[in-house]
Every structure is written in C-alpha cells, then in structure tokens.
Amino acid sequence: MQSYILTNVAPKIEEKASDSKEFLSEYVAQWKNFSLFLFSMKKLMVYLDRYHLKTANQQSLTETSLIIFRKEIYTKKLVQLRRAILSEIQKDRDNELVDKDLIKEAIQQFLYMGFDKLA
C-alpha cells in the first residue's frame, strides 16, 4: 500500500503544486481514487481483517492504509492543502468563480484525516 501511494498518488499531486485550484483538484481526485481503491481492497481482504488480524491484535488493513495515506500524503501536504482551501475561499469572497463542490470535498477530506487520531 505504501509503495502504491508513493509511486502513484504522491507524484501526481506534486505535479500540480504550483496552482492552488489545480492542486486542490488533483488532491481531491487522488483521494477519491485512493478511497475507491481502498474500498475495493477492503472487500477483498475481509477474511484477513476478520480472522488473522484480530487474532494477532493488529489494525485492519483499512486503518493501516489510511494511516499510511495520512503519513505519506496528508501530513506532508497539510500546509499546502490548507493554503489552497483558504485561497479558494478568498477567491469566492472576492466574487471570483470557484468550484464550491471542490472546496467542500477538500474540507471533508481534511476533516476525515483526523479519524479519531488513530496514529
């Protein structure tokens, strides 16, 4: 999972780092892709989660994957993500055309990454 994040997710987000809207758009898109990937993997790995990991008192694969995403992407891009969200909000206040759904999704992801401070 960590290699997937480092080779597929991180470089695509880094490419768009220069513009706040493009960065936000790519970040949200990568989050959605990762979430879909994780959901698919969760369905495949239910057996491991249910039997092997609980017996060994380990976190589920979903929790582990989210912790890796938070460590490798979210924490490294936190300041840039916050600036991009605030920049888009300021553009909206200045009556510029912005994608409010994009801002909403970015804020939701921002809040979701706090998932009860697991790690």
C-alpha atoms as a PDB file:
ATOM      1  CA  MET A   1       0.000   0.000   0.000  1.00  0.00           C
ATOM      2  CA  GLN A   2       2.796   2.382   0.854  1.00  0.00           C
ATOM      3  CA  SER A   3       4.517   1.799  -2.480  1.00  0.00           C
ATOM      4  CA  TYR A   4       1.216   2.443  -4.300  1.00  0.00           C
ATOM      5  CA  ILE A   5       0.850   5.768  -2.511  1.00  0.00           C
ATOM      6  CA  LEU A   6       4.455   6.803  -3.097  1.00  0.00           C
ATOM      7  CA  THR A   7       4.566   5.809  -6.777  1.00  0.00           C
ATOM      8  CA  ASN A   8       1.034   6.636  -7.927  1.00  0.00           C
ATOM      9  CA  VAL A   9      -0.547   9.218  -5.669  1.00  0.00           C
ATOM     10  CA  ALA A  10       2.269  11.470  -4.450  1.00  0.00           C
ATOM     11  CA  PRO A  11       3.846  12.272  -7.855  1.00  0.00           C
ATOM     12  CA  LYS A  12       0.501  13.267  -9.385  1.00  0.00           C
ATOM     13  CA  ILE A  13      -0.256  15.636  -6.531  1.00  0.00           C
ATOM     14  CA  GLU A  14       3.256  17.075  -6.653  1.00  0.00           C
ATOM     15  CA  GLU A  15       2.891  17.867 -10.383  1.00  0.00           C
ATOM     16  CA  LYS A  16       0.050  20.284  -9.633  1.00  0.00           C
ATOM     17  CA  ALA A  17       1.630  22.009  -6.641  1.00  0.00           C
ATOM     18  CA  SER A  18       2.090  25.390  -8.329  1.00  0.00           C
ATOM     19  CA  ASP A  19      -1.575  26.428  -8.642  1.00  0.00           C
ATOM     20  CA  SER A  20      -3.977  26.253  -5.695  1.00  0.00           C
ATOM     21  CA  LYS A  21      -7.035  25.214  -7.718  1.00  0.00           C
ATOM     22  CA  GLU A  22      -5.142  22.591  -9.718  1.00  0.00           C
ATOM     23  CA  PHE A  23      -3.505  21.298  -6.538  1.00  0.00           C
ATOM     24  CA  LEU A  24      -6.841  21.083  -4.751  1.00  0.00           C
ATOM     25  CA  SER A  25      -8.480  19.417  -7.728  1.00  0.00           C
ATOM     26  CA  GLU A  26      -5.704  16.823  -8.057  1.00  0.00           C
ATOM     27  CA  TYR A  27      -5.573  16.210  -4.306  1.00  0.00           C
ATOM     28  CA  VAL A  28      -9.316  15.567  -4.133  1.00  0.00           C
ATOM     29  CA  ALA A  29      -9.189  13.378  -7.254  1.00  0.00           C
ATOM     30  CA  GLN A  30      -6.358  11.304  -5.825  1.00  0.00           C
ATOM     31  CA  TRP A  31      -8.187  10.999  -2.505  1.00  0.00           C
ATOM     32  CA  LYS A  32     -11.299   9.749  -4.323  1.00  0.00           C
ATOM     33  CA  ASN A  33      -9.233   7.260  -6.332  1.00  0.00           C
ATOM     34  CA  PHE A  34      -7.469   6.058  -3.196  1.00  0.00           C
ATOM     35  CA  SER A  35     -10.775   5.719  -1.344  1.00  0.00           C
ATOM     36  CA  LEU A  36     -12.233   3.674  -4.194  1.00  0.00           C
ATOM     37  CA  PHE A  37      -9.107   1.516  -4.305  1.00  0.00           C
ATOM     38  CA  LEU A  38      -9.246   1.065  -0.545  1.00  0.00           C
ATOM     39  CA  PHE A  39     -12.929   0.137  -0.646  1.00  0.00           C
ATOM     40  CA  SER A  40     -12.200  -2.493  -3.301  1.00  0.00           C
ATOM     41  CA  MET A  41      -9.284  -3.861  -1.308  1.00  0.00           C
ATOM     42  CA  LYS A  42     -11.382  -3.922   1.850  1.00  0.00           C
ATOM     43  CA  LYS A  43     -13.909  -6.180   0.182  1.00  0.00           C
ATOM     44  CA  LEU A  44     -11.120  -8.484  -0.939  1.00  0.00           C
ATOM     45  CA  MET A  45      -9.340  -8.547   2.396  1.00  0.00           C
ATOM     46  CA  VAL A  46     -12.325  -9.063   4.695  1.00  0.00           C
ATOM     47  CA  TYR A  47     -11.140 -12.544   5.582  1.00  0.00           C
ATOM     48  CA  LEU A  48      -7.713 -11.317   6.698  1.00  0.00           C
ATOM     49  CA  ASP A  49      -9.217  -8.481   8.702  1.00  0.00           C
ATOM     50  CA  ARG A  50     -11.778 -10.679  10.372  1.00  0.00           C
ATOM     51  CA  TYR A  51      -9.670 -13.675  11.320  1.00  0.00           C
ATOM     52  CA  HIS A  52      -5.936 -13.185  11.113  1.00  0.00           C
ATOM     53  CA  LEU A  53      -5.517  -9.562  12.140  1.00  0.00           C
ATOM     54  CA  LYS A  54      -7.990  -9.635  15.031  1.00  0.00           C
ATOM     55  CA  THR A  55      -6.332 -12.741  16.393  1.00  0.00           C
ATOM     56  CA  ALA A  56      -2.957 -11.007  16.251  1.00  0.00           C
ATOM     57  CA  ASN A  57      -4.401  -7.782  17.777  1.00  0.00           C
ATOM     58  CA  GLN A  58      -3.397  -5.721  14.767  1.00  0.00           C
ATOM     59  CA  GLN A  59      -5.197  -2.890  12.977  1.00  0.00           C
ATOM     60  CA  SER A  60      -7.381  -3.640   9.997  1.00  0.00           C
ATOM     61  CA  LEU A  61      -5.976  -3.185   6.520  1.00  0.00           C
ATOM     62  CA  THR A  62      -8.260  -0.189   6.047  1.00  0.00           C
ATOM     63  CA  GLU A  63      -6.956   1.564   9.146  1.00  0.00           C
ATOM     64  CA  THR A  64      -3.373   0.770   8.194  1.00  0.00           C
ATOM     65  CA  SER A  65      -3.909   2.122   4.674  1.00  0.00           C
ATOM     66  CA  LEU A  66      -5.475   5.337   5.972  1.00  0.00           C
ATOM     67  CA  ILE A  67      -2.586   5.814   8.387  1.00  0.00           C
ATOM     68  CA  ILE A  68      -0.125   5.396   5.526  1.00  0.00           C
ATOM     69  CA  PHE A  69      -2.043   7.919   3.384  1.00  0.00           C
ATOM     70  CA  ARG A  70      -2.102  10.362   6.254  1.00  0.00           C
ATOM     71  CA  LYS A  71       1.626   9.919   6.912  1.00  0.00           C
ATOM     72  CA  GLU A  72       2.848   9.979   3.296  1.00  0.00           C
ATOM     73  CA  ILE A  73       0.449  12.468   1.693  1.00  0.00           C
ATOM     74  CA  TYR A  74      -1.703  14.394   4.142  1.00  0.00           C
ATOM     75  CA  THR A  75       0.922  15.428   6.699  1.00  0.00           C
ATOM     76  CA  LYS A  76       3.441  16.322   4.002  1.00  0.00           C
ATOM     77  CA  LYS A  77       0.890  18.431   2.095  1.00  0.00           C
ATOM     78  CA  LEU A  78      -1.068  19.778   5.064  1.00  0.00           C
ATOM     79  CA  VAL A  79       0.204  23.356   4.866  1.00  0.00           C
ATOM     80  CA  GLN A  80      -0.215  23.481   1.103  1.00  0.00           C
ATOM     81  CA  LEU A  81      -3.693  21.943   1.366  1.00  0.00           C
ATOM     82  CA  ARG A  82      -4.744  24.470   3.984  1.00  0.00           C
ATOM     83  CA  ARG A  83      -3.411  27.358   1.869  1.00  0.00           C
ATOM     84  CA  ALA A  84      -5.167  26.074  -1.239  1.00  0.00           C
ATOM     85  CA  ILE A  85      -8.505  25.755   0.571  1.00  0.00           C
ATOM     86  CA  LEU A  86      -8.181  29.230   2.086  1.00  0.00           C
ATOM     87  CA  SER A  87      -7.107  30.675  -1.276  1.00  0.00           C
ATOM     88  CA  GLU A  88     -10.187  29.270  -2.972  1.00  0.00           C
ATOM     89  CA  ILE A  89     -12.415  30.569  -0.155  1.00  0.00           C
ATOM     90  CA  GLN A  90     -10.853  34.016  -0.530  1.00  0.00           C
ATOM     91  CA  LYS A  91     -11.476  33.927  -4.298  1.00  0.00           C
ATOM     92  CA  ASP A  92     -15.118  33.133  -3.564  1.00  0.00           C
ATOM     93  CA  ARG A  93     -15.326  36.076  -1.174  1.00  0.00           C
ATOM     94  CA  ASP A  94     -13.805  38.282  -3.864  1.00  0.00           C
ATOM     95  CA  ASN A  95     -16.653  37.208  -6.169  1.00  0.00           C
ATOM     96  CA  GLU A  96     -14.440  35.126  -8.418  1.00  0.00           C
ATOM     97  CA  LEU A  97     -15.805  31.951  -9.916  1.00  0.00           C
ATOM     98  CA  VAL A  98     -14.778  28.924  -7.830  1.00  0.00           C
ATOM     99  CA  ASP A  99     -15.783  25.294  -7.631  1.00  0.00           C
ATOM    100  CA  LYS A 100     -17.648  25.163  -4.328  1.00  0.00           C
ATOM    101  CA  ASP A 101     -18.064  21.394  -4.534  1.00  0.00           C
ATOM    102  CA  LEU A 102     -14.288  21.053  -4.804  1.00  0.00           C
ATOM    103  CA  ILE A 103     -13.812  23.205  -1.706  1.00  0.00           C
ATOM    104  CA  LYS A 104     -16.449  21.182   0.149  1.00  0.00           C
ATOM    105  CA  GLU A 105     -14.819  17.866  -0.788  1.00  0.00           C
ATOM    106  CA  ALA A 106     -11.372  19.143   0.197  1.00  0.00           C
ATOM    107  CA  ILE A 107     -12.647  20.280   3.589  1.00  0.00           C
ATOM    108  CA  GLN A 108     -14.421  16.960   4.140  1.00  0.00           C
ATOM    109  CA  GLN A 109     -11.208  15.082   3.375  1.00  0.00           C
ATOM    110  CA  PHE A 110      -9.288  17.496   5.594  1.00  0.00           C
ATOM    111  CA  LEU A 111     -11.640  16.675   8.477  1.00  0.00           C
ATOM    112  CA  TYR A 112     -11.705  12.945   7.715  1.00  0.00           C
ATOM    113  CA  MET A 113      -7.949  12.681   8.095  1.00  0.00           C
ATOM    114  CA  GLY A 114      -8.420  13.398  11.782  1.00  0.00           C
ATOM    115  CA  PHE A 115     -10.160   9.991  12.080  1.00  0.00           C
ATOM    116  CA  ASP A 116     -10.021   9.920  15.869  1.00  0.00           C
ATOM    117  CA  LYS A 117      -6.240  10.356  15.958  1.00  0.00           C
ATOM    118  CA  LEU A 118      -5.529   6.652  15.380  1.00  0.00           C
ATOM    119  CA  ALA A 119      -1.809   7.128  14.921  1.00  0.00           C
END
